[in-house]
């Protein structure tokens, strides 16, 4: 009986890999390469090509005679949105030093009612 079992085991070992290999090969689909992109590798998309922007320069640093004054309503209003908020540096282009001065002038002008806190 031992001989028969060992023969069955030998037979089953050799038969199993033959049947398992084709099943594994059929289950894995053949891979296809990705299609080539239409634009070349190094180029940027059309909306990013020739987008050069002009760097904003602080008007107070550029013109040494320009002074930030809370009494100059026209100047102060240029740094306020239509809703009454102070425009940020990235929009106005002022340097950090002069942006602090502009904000202080706007706040003083608001307190003295030269510029409204909120416009409707």
PDB file of N, CA and C in Angstrom:
ATOM      1  N   UNK A   1       0.819  -1.189   0.000  1.00  0.00           N
ATOM      2  CA  UNK A   1       0.000   0.000   0.000  1.00  0.00           C
ATOM      3  C   UNK A   1       0.864   1.255   0.000  1.00  0.00           C
ATOM      4  N   UNK A   2       1.980   1.177   0.663  1.00  0.00           N
ATOM      5  CA  UNK A   2       2.886   2.304   0.667  1.00  0.00           C
ATOM      6  C   UNK A   2       3.409   2.595  -0.723  1.00  0.00           C
ATOM      7  N   UNK A   3       3.661   1.588  -1.433  1.00  0.00           N
ATOM      8  CA  UNK A   3       4.183   1.763  -2.779  1.00  0.00           C
ATOM      9  C   UNK A   3       3.156   2.463  -3.648  1.00  0.00           C
ATOM     10  N   UNK A   4       1.927   2.098  -3.517  1.00  0.00           N
ATOM     11  CA  UNK A   4       0.878   2.715  -4.332  1.00  0.00           C
ATOM     12  C   UNK A   4       0.696   4.183  -3.964  1.00  0.00           C
ATOM     13  N   UNK A   5       0.761   4.492  -2.694  1.00  0.00           N
ATOM     14  CA  UNK A   5       0.578   5.877  -2.277  1.00  0.00           C
ATOM     15  C   UNK A   5       1.734   6.742  -2.761  1.00  0.00           C
ATOM     16  N   UNK A   6       2.929   6.203  -2.665  1.00  0.00           N
ATOM     17  CA  UNK A   6       4.068   6.986  -3.108  1.00  0.00           C
ATOM     18  C   UNK A   6       4.023   7.193  -4.620  1.00  0.00           C
ATOM     19  N   UNK A   7       3.529   6.197  -5.353  1.00  0.00           N
ATOM     20  CA  UNK A   7       3.395   6.348  -6.800  1.00  0.00           C
ATOM     21  C   UNK A   7       2.329   7.389  -7.124  1.00  0.00           C
ATOM     22  N   UNK A   8       1.249   7.372  -6.364  1.00  0.00           N
ATOM     23  CA  UNK A   8       0.189   8.360  -6.591  1.00  0.00           C
ATOM     24  C   UNK A   8       0.701   9.768  -6.316  1.00  0.00           C
ATOM     25  N   UNK A   9       1.484   9.896  -5.269  1.00  0.00           N
ATOM     26  CA  UNK A   9       2.034  11.206  -4.934  1.00  0.00           C
ATOM     27  C   UNK A   9       2.978  11.669  -6.036  1.00  0.00           C
ATOM     28  N   UNK A  10       3.819  10.748  -6.500  1.00  0.00           N
ATOM     29  CA  UNK A  10       4.730  11.103  -7.580  1.00  0.00           C
ATOM     30  C   UNK A  10       3.946  11.484  -8.828  1.00  0.00           C
ATOM     31  N   UNK A  11       2.938  10.731  -9.122  1.00  0.00           N
ATOM     32  CA  UNK A  11       2.127  11.022 -10.302  1.00  0.00           C
ATOM     33  C   UNK A  11       1.369  12.337 -10.139  1.00  0.00           C
ATOM     34  N   UNK A  12       0.855  12.581  -8.953  1.00  0.00           N
ATOM     35  CA  UNK A  12       0.085  13.810  -8.742  1.00  0.00           C
ATOM     36  C   UNK A  12       0.997  15.035  -8.754  1.00  0.00           C
ATOM     37  N   UNK A  13       2.239  14.886  -8.260  1.00  0.00           N
ATOM     38  CA  UNK A  13       3.172  16.013  -8.284  1.00  0.00           C
ATOM     39  C   UNK A  13       3.528  16.399  -9.711  1.00  0.00           C
ATOM     40  N   UNK A  14       3.743  15.423 -10.525  1.00  0.00           N
ATOM     41  CA  UNK A  14       4.154  15.726 -11.889  1.00  0.00           C
ATOM     42  C   UNK A  14       2.969  16.214 -12.722  1.00  0.00           C
ATOM     43  N   UNK A  15       1.777  15.781 -12.404  1.00  0.00           N
ATOM     44  CA  UNK A  15       0.606  16.166 -13.193  1.00  0.00           C
ATOM     45  C   UNK A  15       0.115  17.559 -12.827  1.00  0.00           C
ATOM     46  N   UNK A  16       0.260  17.968 -11.594  1.00  0.00           N
ATOM     47  CA  UNK A  16      -0.275  19.252 -11.141  1.00  0.00           C
ATOM     48  C   UNK A  16       0.411  20.439 -11.813  1.00  0.00           C
ATOM     49  N   UNK A  17       1.731  20.481 -11.885  1.00  0.00           N
ATOM     50  CA  UNK A  17       2.347  21.651 -12.513  1.00  0.00           C
ATOM     51  C   UNK A  17       1.991  21.796 -13.993  1.00  0.00           C
ATOM     52  N   UNK A  18       1.804  20.681 -14.690  1.00  0.00           N
ATOM     53  CA  UNK A  18       1.462  20.782 -16.108  1.00  0.00           C
ATOM     54  C   UNK A  18       0.097  21.420 -16.304  1.00  0.00           C
ATOM     55  N   UNK A  19      -0.839  21.106 -15.455  1.00  0.00           N
ATOM     56  CA  UNK A  19      -2.176  21.677 -15.600  1.00  0.00           C
ATOM     57  C   UNK A  19      -2.234  23.091 -15.050  1.00  0.00           C
ATOM     58  N   UNK A  20      -1.393  23.416 -14.056  1.00  0.00           N
ATOM     59  CA  UNK A  20      -1.438  24.738 -13.435  1.00  0.00           C
ATOM     60  C   UNK A  20      -0.804  25.799 -14.335  1.00  0.00           C
ATOM     61  N   UNK A  21       0.241  25.459 -15.038  1.00  0.00           N
ATOM     62  CA  UNK A  21       0.935  26.449 -15.858  1.00  0.00           C
ATOM     63  C   UNK A  21       0.057  27.033 -16.962  1.00  0.00           C
ATOM     64  N   UNK A  22      -0.650  26.233 -17.737  1.00  0.00           N
ATOM     65  CA  UNK A  22      -1.493  26.842 -18.769  1.00  0.00           C
ATOM     66  C   UNK A  22      -2.605  27.713 -18.182  1.00  0.00           C
ATOM     67  N   UNK A  23      -3.114  27.361 -17.021  1.00  0.00           N
ATOM     68  CA  UNK A  23      -4.167  28.164 -16.400  1.00  0.00           C
ATOM     69  C   UNK A  23      -3.630  29.533 -16.005  1.00  0.00           C
ATOM     70  N   UNK A  24      -2.418  29.583 -15.500  1.00  0.00           N
ATOM     71  CA  UNK A  24      -1.816  30.850 -15.098  1.00  0.00           C
ATOM     72  C   UNK A  24      -1.527  31.699 -16.331  1.00  0.00           C
ATOM     73  N   UNK A  25      -1.051  31.102 -17.382  1.00  0.00           N
ATOM     74  CA  UNK A  25      -0.739  31.837 -18.598  1.00  0.00           C
ATOM     75  C   UNK A  25      -1.999  32.407 -19.238  1.00  0.00           C
ATOM     76  N   UNK A  26      -3.095  31.700 -19.170  1.00  0.00           N
ATOM     77  CA  UNK A  26      -4.345  32.189 -19.749  1.00  0.00           C
ATOM     78  C   UNK A  26      -4.931  33.330 -18.928  1.00  0.00           C
ATOM     79  N   UNK A  27      -4.705  33.329 -17.618  1.00  0.00           N
ATOM     80  CA  UNK A  27      -5.289  34.341 -16.744  1.00  0.00           C
ATOM     81  C   UNK A  27      -4.603  35.698 -16.904  1.00  0.00           C
ATOM     82  N   UNK A  28      -3.332  35.741 -17.263  1.00  0.00           N
ATOM     83  CA  UNK A  28      -2.600  36.999 -17.392  1.00  0.00           C
ATOM     84  C   UNK A  28      -2.750  37.511 -18.821  1.00  0.00           C
ATOM     85  N   UNK A  29      -3.406  38.650 -19.007  1.00  0.00           N
ATOM     86  CA  UNK A  29      -3.553  39.174 -20.374  1.00  0.00           C
ATOM     87  C   UNK A  29      -2.228  39.747 -20.875  1.00  0.00           C
ATOM     88  N   UNK A  30      -2.101  39.813 -22.148  1.00  0.00           N
ATOM     89  CA  UNK A  30      -0.885  40.357 -22.748  1.00  0.00           C
ATOM     90  C   UNK A  30      -0.888  41.869 -22.596  1.00  0.00           C
ATOM     91  N   UNK A  31       0.210  42.431 -22.111  1.00  0.00           N
ATOM     92  CA  UNK A  31       0.285  43.873 -21.880  1.00  0.00           C
ATOM     93  C   UNK A  31       0.643  44.596 -23.164  1.00  0.00           C
ATOM     94  N   UNK A  32       0.025  45.768 -23.308  1.00  0.00           N
ATOM     95  CA  UNK A  32       0.314  46.597 -24.471  1.00  0.00           C
ATOM     96  C   UNK A  32       0.977  47.879 -23.993  1.00  0.00           C
ATOM     97  N   UNK A  33       1.910  48.415 -24.733  1.00  0.00           N
ATOM     98  CA  UNK A  33       2.553  49.671 -24.313  1.00  0.00           C
ATOM     99  C   UNK A  33       1.585  50.842 -24.434  1.00  0.00           C
ATOM    100  N   UNK A  34       1.844  51.884 -23.638  1.00  0.00           N
ATOM    101  CA  UNK A  34       1.015  53.080 -23.709  1.00  0.00           C
ATOM    102  C   UNK A  34       1.201  53.759 -25.062  1.00  0.00           C
ATOM    103  N   UNK A  35       0.156  54.363 -25.594  1.00  0.00           N
ATOM    104  CA  UNK A  35       0.327  55.084 -26.858  1.00  0.00           C
ATOM    105  C   UNK A  35       1.196  56.319 -26.652  1.00  0.00           C
ATOM    106  N   UNK A  36       1.918  56.709 -27.655  1.00  0.00           N
ATOM    107  CA  UNK A  36       2.797  57.875 -27.563  1.00  0.00           C
ATOM    108  C   UNK A  36       1.961  59.139 -27.455  1.00  0.00           C
ATOM    109  N   UNK A  37       2.448  60.100 -26.662  1.00  0.00           N
ATOM    110  CA  UNK A  37       1.737  61.371 -26.517  1.00  0.00           C
ATOM    111  C   UNK A  37       1.926  62.193 -27.774  1.00  0.00           C
ATOM    112  N   UNK A  38       0.933  63.018 -28.057  1.00  0.00           N
ATOM    113  CA  UNK A  38       0.995  63.819 -29.273  1.00  0.00           C
ATOM    114  C   UNK A  38       2.021  64.935 -29.159  1.00  0.00           C
ATOM    115  N   UNK A  39       2.096  65.584 -27.987  1.00  0.00           N
ATOM    116  CA  UNK A  39       3.095  66.635 -27.839  1.00  0.00           C
ATOM    117  C   UNK A  39       4.414  66.008 -27.394  1.00  0.00           C
ATOM    118  N   UNK A  40       5.505  66.647 -27.698  1.00  0.00           N
ATOM    119  CA  UNK A  40       6.806  66.085 -27.363  1.00  0.00           C
ATOM    120  C   UNK A  40       7.038  66.167 -25.858  1.00  0.00           C
ATOM    121  N   UNK A  41       8.009  65.460 -25.375  1.00  0.00           N
ATOM    122  CA  UNK A  41       8.222  65.292 -23.942  1.00  0.00           C
ATOM    123  C   UNK A  41       8.552  66.596 -23.231  1.00  0.00           C
ATOM    124  N   UNK A  42       9.382  67.440 -23.785  1.00  0.00           N
ATOM    125  CA  UNK A  42       9.853  68.621 -23.085  1.00  0.00           C
ATOM    126  C   UNK A  42       8.956  69.838 -23.199  1.00  0.00           C
ATOM    127  N   UNK A  43       7.987  69.830 -24.081  1.00  0.00           N
ATOM    128  CA  UNK A  43       7.162  71.018 -24.288  1.00  0.00           C
ATOM    129  C   UNK A  43       6.108  71.166 -23.211  1.00  0.00           C
ATOM    130  N   UNK A  44       5.748  72.417 -22.935  1.00  0.00           N
ATOM    131  CA  UNK A  44       4.679  72.710 -21.988  1.00  0.00           C
ATOM    132  C   UNK A  44       3.364  72.807 -22.752  1.00  0.00           C
ATOM    133  N   UNK A  45       2.238  72.633 -22.074  1.00  0.00           N
ATOM    134  CA  UNK A  45       0.950  72.817 -22.739  1.00  0.00           C
ATOM    135  C   UNK A  45       0.795  74.245 -23.254  1.00  0.00           C
ATOM    136  N   UNK A  46      -0.140  74.439 -24.165  1.00  0.00           N
ATOM    137  CA  UNK A  46      -0.300  75.727 -24.844  1.00  0.00           C
ATOM    138  C   UNK A  46      -0.579  76.861 -23.872  1.00  0.00           C
ATOM    139  N   UNK A  47      -1.345  76.608 -22.817  1.00  0.00           N
ATOM    140  CA  UNK A  47      -1.692  77.686 -21.901  1.00  0.00           C
ATOM    141  C   UNK A  47      -0.515  78.093 -21.015  1.00  0.00           C
ATOM    142  N   UNK A  48       0.544  77.285 -20.959  1.00  0.00           N
ATOM    143  CA  UNK A  48       1.690  77.618 -20.121  1.00  0.00           C
ATOM    144  C   UNK A  48       2.873  78.157 -20.920  1.00  0.00           C
ATOM    145  N   UNK A  49       2.805  78.139 -22.216  1.00  0.00           N
ATOM    146  CA  UNK A  49       3.931  78.604 -23.042  1.00  0.00           C
ATOM    147  C   UNK A  49       4.073  80.090 -22.947  1.00  0.00           C
ATOM    148  N   UNK A  50       4.479  80.894 -23.441  1.00  0.00           N
ATOM    149  CA  UNK A  50       4.638  82.334 -23.495  1.00  0.00           C
ATOM    150  C   UNK A  50       3.840  83.105 -22.446  1.00  0.00           C
ATOM    151  N   UNK A  51       3.822  82.652 -21.218  1.00  0.00           N
ATOM    152  CA  UNK A  51       3.117  83.387 -20.170  1.00  0.00           C
ATOM    153  C   UNK A  51       4.138  84.090 -19.290  1.00  0.00           C
ATOM    154  N   UNK A  52       4.678  85.148 -19.784  1.00  0.00           N
ATOM    155  CA  UNK A  52       5.615  85.941 -19.004  1.00  0.00           C
ATOM    156  C   UNK A  52       4.832  87.059 -18.337  1.00  0.00           C
ATOM    157  N   UNK A  53       5.124  87.289 -17.108  1.00  0.00           N
ATOM    158  CA  UNK A  53       4.416  88.331 -16.393  1.00  0.00           C
ATOM    159  C   UNK A  53       5.391  89.417 -15.986  1.00  0.00           C
ATOM    160  N   UNK A  54       4.883  90.612 -15.918  1.00  0.00           N
ATOM    161  CA  UNK A  54       5.699  91.747 -15.537  1.00  0.00           C
ATOM    162  C   UNK A  54       5.720  91.817 -14.015  1.00  0.00           C
ATOM    163  N   UNK A  55       6.896  91.852 -13.452  1.00  0.00           N
ATOM    164  CA  UNK A  55       7.020  91.901 -12.002  1.00  0.00           C
ATOM    165  C   UNK A  55       6.560  93.257 -11.504  1.00  0.00           C
ATOM    166  N   UNK A  56       5.713  93.239 -10.499  1.00  0.00           N
ATOM    167  CA  UNK A  56       5.204  94.482  -9.938  1.00  0.00           C
ATOM    168  C   UNK A  56       6.276  95.126  -9.070  1.00  0.00           C
ATOM    169  N   UNK A  57       6.395  96.427  -9.197  1.00  0.00           N
ATOM    170  CA  UNK A  57       7.399  97.173  -8.452  1.00  0.00           C
ATOM    171  C   UNK A  57       6.675  98.071  -7.465  1.00  0.00           C
ATOM    172  N   UNK A  58       7.186  98.143  -6.263  1.00  0.00           N
ATOM    173  CA  UNK A  58       6.590  98.996  -5.245  1.00  0.00           C
ATOM    174  C   UNK A  58       6.676 100.449  -5.700  1.00  0.00           C
ATOM    175  N   UNK A  59       5.538 101.110  -5.797  1.00  0.00           N
ATOM    176  CA  UNK A  59       5.537 102.493  -6.289  1.00  0.00           C
ATOM    177  C   UNK A  59       6.204 103.446  -5.310  1.00  0.00           C
ATOM    178  N   UNK A  60       6.197 103.102  -4.047  1.00  0.00           N
ATOM    179  CA  UNK A  60       6.813 103.971  -3.039  1.00  0.00           C
ATOM    180  C   UNK A  60       8.336 103.815  -3.027  1.00  0.00           C
ATOM    181  N   UNK A  61       8.830 102.631  -3.334  1.00  0.00           N
ATOM    182  CA  UNK A  61      10.279 102.435  -3.447  1.00  0.00           C
ATOM    183  C   UNK A  61      10.794 103.036  -4.755  1.00  0.00           C
ATOM    184  N   UNK A  62      10.003 102.908  -5.809  1.00  0.00           N
ATOM    185  CA  UNK A  62      10.408 103.417  -7.121  1.00  0.00           C
ATOM    186  C   UNK A  62      10.431 104.941  -7.141  1.00  0.00           C
ATOM    187  N   UNK A  63       9.378 105.552  -6.611  1.00  0.00           N
ATOM    188  CA  UNK A  63       9.285 107.013  -6.570  1.00  0.00           C
ATOM    189  C   UNK A  63       9.523 107.454  -5.130  1.00  0.00           C
ATOM    190  N   UNK A  64      10.697 107.971  -4.862  1.00  0.00           N
ATOM    191  CA  UNK A  64      11.061 108.350  -3.492  1.00  0.00           C
ATOM    192  C   UNK A  64      10.227 109.528  -2.976  1.00  0.00           C
ATOM    193  N   UNK A  65       9.615 110.306  -3.878  1.00  0.00           N
ATOM    194  CA  UNK A  65       8.802 111.451  -3.458  1.00  0.00           C
ATOM    195  C   UNK A  65       7.394 111.045  -3.030  1.00  0.00           C
ATOM    196  N   UNK A  66       6.958 109.847  -3.399  1.00  0.00           N
ATOM    197  CA  UNK A  66       5.624 109.385  -3.022  1.00  0.00           C
ATOM    198  C   UNK A  66       5.607 109.082  -1.525  1.00  0.00           C
ATOM    199  N   UNK A  67       4.625 109.649  -0.839  1.00  0.00           N
ATOM    200  CA  UNK A  67       4.519 109.486   0.603  1.00  0.00           C
ATOM    201  C   UNK A  67       3.161 108.876   0.922  1.00  0.00           C
ATOM    202  N   UNK A  68       3.146 107.939   1.847  1.00  0.00           N
ATOM    203  CA  UNK A  68       1.888 107.344   2.291  1.00  0.00           C
ATOM    204  C   UNK A  68       1.296 108.264   3.347  1.00  0.00           C
ATOM    205  N   UNK A  69       0.108 108.788   3.053  1.00  0.00           N
ATOM    206  CA  UNK A  69      -0.531 109.718   3.981  1.00  0.00           C
ATOM    207  C   UNK A  69      -2.005 109.359   4.084  1.00  0.00           C
ATOM    208  N   UNK A  70      -2.511 109.240   5.288  1.00  0.00           N
ATOM    209  CA  UNK A  70      -3.913 108.870   5.480  1.00  0.00           C
ATOM    210  C   UNK A  70      -4.859 109.953   5.004  1.00  0.00           C
ATOM    211  N   UNK A  71      -4.385 111.198   4.883  1.00  0.00           N
ATOM    212  CA  UNK A  71      -5.238 112.303   4.429  1.00  0.00           C
ATOM    213  C   UNK A  71      -5.401 112.320   2.910  1.00  0.00           C
ATOM    214  N   UNK A  72      -4.532 111.599   2.195  1.00  0.00           N
ATOM    215  CA  UNK A  72      -4.631 111.512   0.736  1.00  0.00           C
ATOM    216  C   UNK A  72      -5.620 110.395   0.386  1.00  0.00           C
ATOM    217  N   UNK A  73      -6.893 110.787   0.259  1.00  0.00           N
ATOM    218  CA  UNK A  73      -7.968 109.808   0.084  1.00  0.00           C
ATOM    219  C   UNK A  73      -7.834 109.076  -1.248  1.00  0.00           C
ATOM    220  N   UNK A  74      -7.453 109.777  -2.305  1.00  0.00           N
ATOM    221  CA  UNK A  74      -7.317 109.131  -3.619  1.00  0.00           C
ATOM    222  C   UNK A  74      -6.268 108.018  -3.575  1.00  0.00           C
ATOM    223  N   UNK A  75      -5.170 108.272  -2.930  1.00  0.00           N
ATOM    224  CA  UNK A  75      -4.117 107.261  -2.821  1.00  0.00           C
ATOM    225  C   UNK A  75      -4.585 106.080  -1.973  1.00  0.00           C
ATOM    226  N   UNK A  76      -5.227 106.374  -0.870  1.00  0.00           N
ATOM    227  CA  UNK A  76      -5.684 105.317   0.041  1.00  0.00           C
ATOM    228  C   UNK A  76      -6.734 104.443  -0.635  1.00  0.00           C
ATOM    229  N   UNK A  77      -7.623 105.029  -1.422  1.00  0.00           N
ATOM    230  CA  UNK A  77      -8.692 104.264  -2.070  1.00  0.00           C
ATOM    231  C   UNK A  77      -8.160 103.305  -3.131  1.00  0.00           C
ATOM    232  N   UNK A  78      -6.971 103.552  -3.653  1.00  0.00           N
ATOM    233  CA  UNK A  78      -6.390 102.650  -4.647  1.00  0.00           C
ATOM    234  C   UNK A  78      -5.995 101.306  -4.036  1.00  0.00           C
ATOM    235  N   UNK A  79      -5.857 101.274  -2.731  1.00  0.00           N
ATOM    236  CA  UNK A  79      -5.442 100.054  -2.046  1.00  0.00           C
ATOM    237  C   UNK A  79      -6.598  99.369  -1.325  1.00  0.00           C
ATOM    238  N   UNK A  80      -7.834  99.760  -1.647  1.00  0.00           N
ATOM    239  CA  UNK A  80      -9.019  99.181  -1.019  1.00  0.00           C
ATOM    240  C   UNK A  80      -9.902  98.577  -2.108  1.00  0.00           C
ATOM    241  N   UNK A  81     -10.502  97.417  -1.834  1.00  0.00           N
ATOM    242  CA  UNK A  81     -11.422  96.801  -2.786  1.00  0.00           C
ATOM    243  C   UNK A  81     -12.749  97.535  -2.762  1.00  0.00           C
ATOM    244  N   UNK A  82     -13.633  97.160  -3.668  1.00  0.00           N
ATOM    245  CA  UNK A  82     -14.954  97.785  -3.702  1.00  0.00           C
ATOM    246  C   UNK A  82     -15.792  97.395  -2.483  1.00  0.00           C
ATOM    247  N   UNK A  83     -15.389  96.355  -1.776  1.00  0.00           N
ATOM    248  CA  UNK A  83     -16.086  95.937  -0.553  1.00  0.00           C
ATOM    249  C   UNK A  83     -15.460  96.538   0.696  1.00  0.00           C
ATOM    250  N   UNK A  84     -14.376  97.285   0.542  1.00  0.00           N
ATOM    251  CA  UNK A  84     -13.753  97.944   1.677  1.00  0.00           C
ATOM    252  C   UNK A  84     -12.583  97.203   2.285  1.00  0.00           C
ATOM    253  N   UNK A  85     -12.151  96.105   1.675  1.00  0.00           N
ATOM    254  CA  UNK A  85     -11.028  95.339   2.214  1.00  0.00           C
ATOM    255  C   UNK A  85      -9.709  95.884   1.680  1.00  0.00           C
ATOM    256  N   UNK A  86      -8.654  95.711   2.459  1.00  0.00           N
ATOM    257  CA  UNK A  86      -7.323  96.141   2.049  1.00  0.00           C
ATOM    258  C   UNK A  86      -6.771  95.122   1.052  1.00  0.00           C
ATOM    259  N   UNK A  87      -6.302  95.613  -0.092  1.00  0.00           N
ATOM    260  CA  UNK A  87      -5.756  94.725  -1.112  1.00  0.00           C
ATOM    261  C   UNK A  87      -4.425  94.139  -0.647  1.00  0.00           C
ATOM    262  N   UNK A  88      -4.151  92.872  -0.945  1.00  0.00           N
ATOM    263  CA  UNK A  88      -2.889  92.255  -0.523  1.00  0.00           C
ATOM    264  C   UNK A  88      -1.707  92.720  -1.376  1.00  0.00           C
ATOM    265  N   UNK A  89      -0.528  92.445  -0.885  1.00  0.00           N
ATOM    266  CA  UNK A  89       0.710  92.827  -1.580  1.00  0.00           C
ATOM    267  C   UNK A  89       0.822  92.209  -2.953  1.00  0.00           C
ATOM    268  N   UNK A  90       0.410  90.949  -3.087  1.00  0.00           N
ATOM    269  CA  UNK A  90       0.553  90.278  -4.375  1.00  0.00           C
ATOM    270  C   UNK A  90      -0.285  90.931  -5.453  1.00  0.00           C
ATOM    271  N   UNK A  91      -1.333  91.659  -5.056  1.00  0.00           N
ATOM    272  CA  UNK A  91      -2.178  92.365  -6.019  1.00  0.00           C
ATOM    273  C   UNK A  91      -1.634  93.761  -6.288  1.00  0.00           C
ATOM    274  N   UNK A  92      -1.276  94.485  -5.234  1.00  0.00           N
ATOM    275  CA  UNK A  92      -0.840  95.872  -5.392  1.00  0.00           C
ATOM    276  C   UNK A  92       0.608  95.983  -5.831  1.00  0.00           C
ATOM    277  N   UNK A  93       1.453  95.042  -5.436  1.00  0.00           N
ATOM    278  CA  UNK A  93       2.858  95.080  -5.813  1.00  0.00           C
ATOM    279  C   UNK A  93       3.726  95.871  -4.860  1.00  0.00           C
ATOM    280  N   UNK A  94       3.199  96.306  -3.737  1.00  0.00           N
ATOM    281  CA  UNK A  94       4.011  97.061  -2.780  1.00  0.00           C
ATOM    282  C   UNK A  94       4.912  96.107  -1.996  1.00  0.00           C
ATOM    283  N   UNK A  95       6.007  96.645  -1.486  1.00  0.00           N
ATOM    284  CA  UNK A  95       6.905  95.836  -0.671  1.00  0.00           C
ATOM    285  C   UNK A  95       6.300  95.692   0.729  1.00  0.00           C
ATOM    286  N   UNK A  96       6.881  94.836   1.544  1.00  0.00           N
ATOM    287  CA  UNK A  96       6.336  94.565   2.875  1.00  0.00           C
ATOM    288  C   UNK A  96       6.347  95.812   3.749  1.00  0.00           C
ATOM    289  N   UNK A  97       7.416  96.564   3.671  1.00  0.00           N
ATOM    290  CA  UNK A  97       7.538  97.774   4.491  1.00  0.00           C
ATOM    291  C   UNK A  97       6.438  98.776   4.154  1.00  0.00           C
ATOM    292  N   UNK A  98       6.236  99.035   2.880  1.00  0.00           N
ATOM    293  CA  UNK A  98       5.240 100.024   2.484  1.00  0.00           C
ATOM    294  C   UNK A  98       3.810  99.482   2.595  1.00  0.00           C
ATOM    295  N   UNK A  99       3.639  98.164   2.492  1.00  0.00           N
ATOM    296  CA  UNK A  99       2.304  97.589   2.685  1.00  0.00           C
ATOM    297  C   UNK A  99       1.839  97.811   4.122  1.00  0.00           C
ATOM    298  N   UNK A 100       2.747  97.695   5.073  1.00  0.00           N
ATOM    299  CA  UNK A 100       2.381  97.972   6.464  1.00  0.00           C
ATOM    300  C   UNK A 100       1.974  99.429   6.626  1.00  0.00           C
ATOM    301  N   UNK A 101       2.694 100.331   5.963  1.00  0.00           N
ATOM    302  CA  UNK A 101       2.343 101.752   6.024  1.00  0.00           C
ATOM    303  C   UNK A 101       1.010 102.048   5.371  1.00  0.00           C
ATOM    304  N   UNK A 102       0.732 101.389   4.247  1.00  0.00           N
ATOM    305  CA  UNK A 102      -0.552 101.567   3.556  1.00  0.00           C
ATOM    306  C   UNK A 102      -1.686 101.074   4.446  1.00  0.00           C
ATOM    307  N   UNK A 103      -1.516  99.918   5.059  1.00  0.00           N
ATOM    308  CA  UNK A 103      -2.554  99.374   5.942  1.00  0.00           C
ATOM    309  C   UNK A 103      -2.804 100.312   7.114  1.00  0.00           C
ATOM    310  N   UNK A 104      -1.743 100.860   7.678  1.00  0.00           N
ATOM    311  CA  UNK A 104      -1.893 101.798   8.800  1.00  0.00           C
ATOM    312  C   UNK A 104      -2.625 103.058   8.350  1.00  0.00           C
ATOM    313  N   UNK A 105      -2.295 103.570   7.166  1.00  0.00           N
ATOM    314  CA  UNK A 105      -2.954 104.770   6.644  1.00  0.00           C
ATOM    315  C   UNK A 105      -4.433 104.511   6.374  1.00  0.00           C
ATOM    316  N   UNK A 106      -4.756 103.336   5.844  1.00  0.00           N
ATOM    317  CA  UNK A 106      -6.160 102.986   5.580  1.00  0.00           C
ATOM    318  C   UNK A 106      -6.933 102.918   6.892  1.00  0.00           C
ATOM    319  N   UNK A 107      -6.349 102.311   7.899  1.00  0.00           N
ATOM    320  CA  UNK A 107      -7.026 102.196   9.193  1.00  0.00           C
ATOM    321  C   UNK A 107      -7.242 103.561   9.833  1.00  0.00           C
ATOM    322  N   UNK A 108      -6.268 104.443   9.713  1.00  0.00           N
ATOM    323  CA  UNK A 108      -6.429 105.796  10.255  1.00  0.00           C
ATOM    324  C   UNK A 108      -7.507 106.560   9.486  1.00  0.00           C
ATOM    325  N   UNK A 109      -7.514 106.415   8.166  1.00  0.00           N
ATOM    326  CA  UNK A 109      -8.518 107.105   7.347  1.00  0.00           C
ATOM    327  C   UNK A 109      -9.919 106.583   7.647  1.00  0.00           C
ATOM    328  N   UNK A 110     -10.055 105.311   7.942  1.00  0.00           N
ATOM    329  CA  UNK A 110     -11.360 104.745   8.306  1.00  0.00           C
ATOM    330  C   UNK A 110     -11.851 105.337   9.623  1.00  0.00           C
ATOM    331  N   UNK A 111     -10.968 105.435  10.599  1.00  0.00           N
ATOM    332  CA  UNK A 111     -11.369 105.951  11.911  1.00  0.00           C
ATOM    333  C   UNK A 111     -11.803 107.409  11.817  1.00  0.00           C
ATOM    334  N   UNK A 112     -11.130 108.181  10.968  1.00  0.00           N
ATOM    335  CA  UNK A 112     -11.490 109.593  10.794  1.00  0.00           C
ATOM    336  C   UNK A 112     -12.622 109.783   9.784  1.00  0.00           C
ATOM    337  N   UNK A 113     -13.200 108.694   9.294  1.00  0.00           N
ATOM    338  CA  UNK A 113     -14.333 108.709   8.355  1.00  0.00           C
ATOM    339  C   UNK A 113     -13.974 109.339   7.011  1.00  0.00           C
ATOM    340  N   UNK A 114     -12.715 109.304   6.640  1.00  0.00           N
ATOM    341  CA  UNK A 114     -12.314 109.750   5.305  1.00  0.00           C
ATOM    342  C   UNK A 114     -12.600 108.661   4.268  1.00  0.00           C
ATOM    343  N   UNK A 115     -12.519 107.424   4.707  1.00  0.00           N
ATOM    344  CA  UNK A 115     -12.796 106.259   3.862  1.00  0.00           C
ATOM    345  C   UNK A 115     -13.777 105.381   4.625  1.00  0.00           C
ATOM    346  N   UNK A 116     -14.818 104.872   3.962  1.00  0.00           N
ATOM    347  CA  UNK A 116     -15.777 104.023   4.681  1.00  0.00           C
ATOM    348  C   UNK A 116     -15.176 102.657   5.038  1.00  0.00           C
ATOM    349  N   UNK A 117     -15.665 102.086   6.127  1.00  0.00           N
ATOM    350  CA  UNK A 117     -15.228 100.746   6.518  1.00  0.00           C
ATOM    351  C   UNK A 117     -15.716  99.714   5.507  1.00  0.00           C
ATOM    352  N   UNK A 118     -16.984  99.817   5.121  1.00  0.00           N
ATOM    353  CA  UNK A 118     -17.589  98.885   4.167  1.00  0.00           C
ATOM    354  C   UNK A 118     -18.371  99.694   3.155  1.00  0.00           C
ATOM    355  N   UNK A 119     -18.169  99.396   1.881  1.00  0.00           N
ATOM    356  CA  UNK A 119     -18.953 100.054   0.839  1.00  0.00           C
ATOM    357  C   UNK A 119     -20.013  99.090   0.360  1.00  0.00           C
ATOM    358  N   UNK A 120     -21.198  99.619   0.087  1.00  0.00           N
ATOM    359  CA  UNK A 120     -22.290  98.758  -0.374  1.00  0.00           C
ATOM    360  C   UNK A 120     -22.581  98.980  -1.824  1.00  0.00           C
TER     361      UNK A 120
END
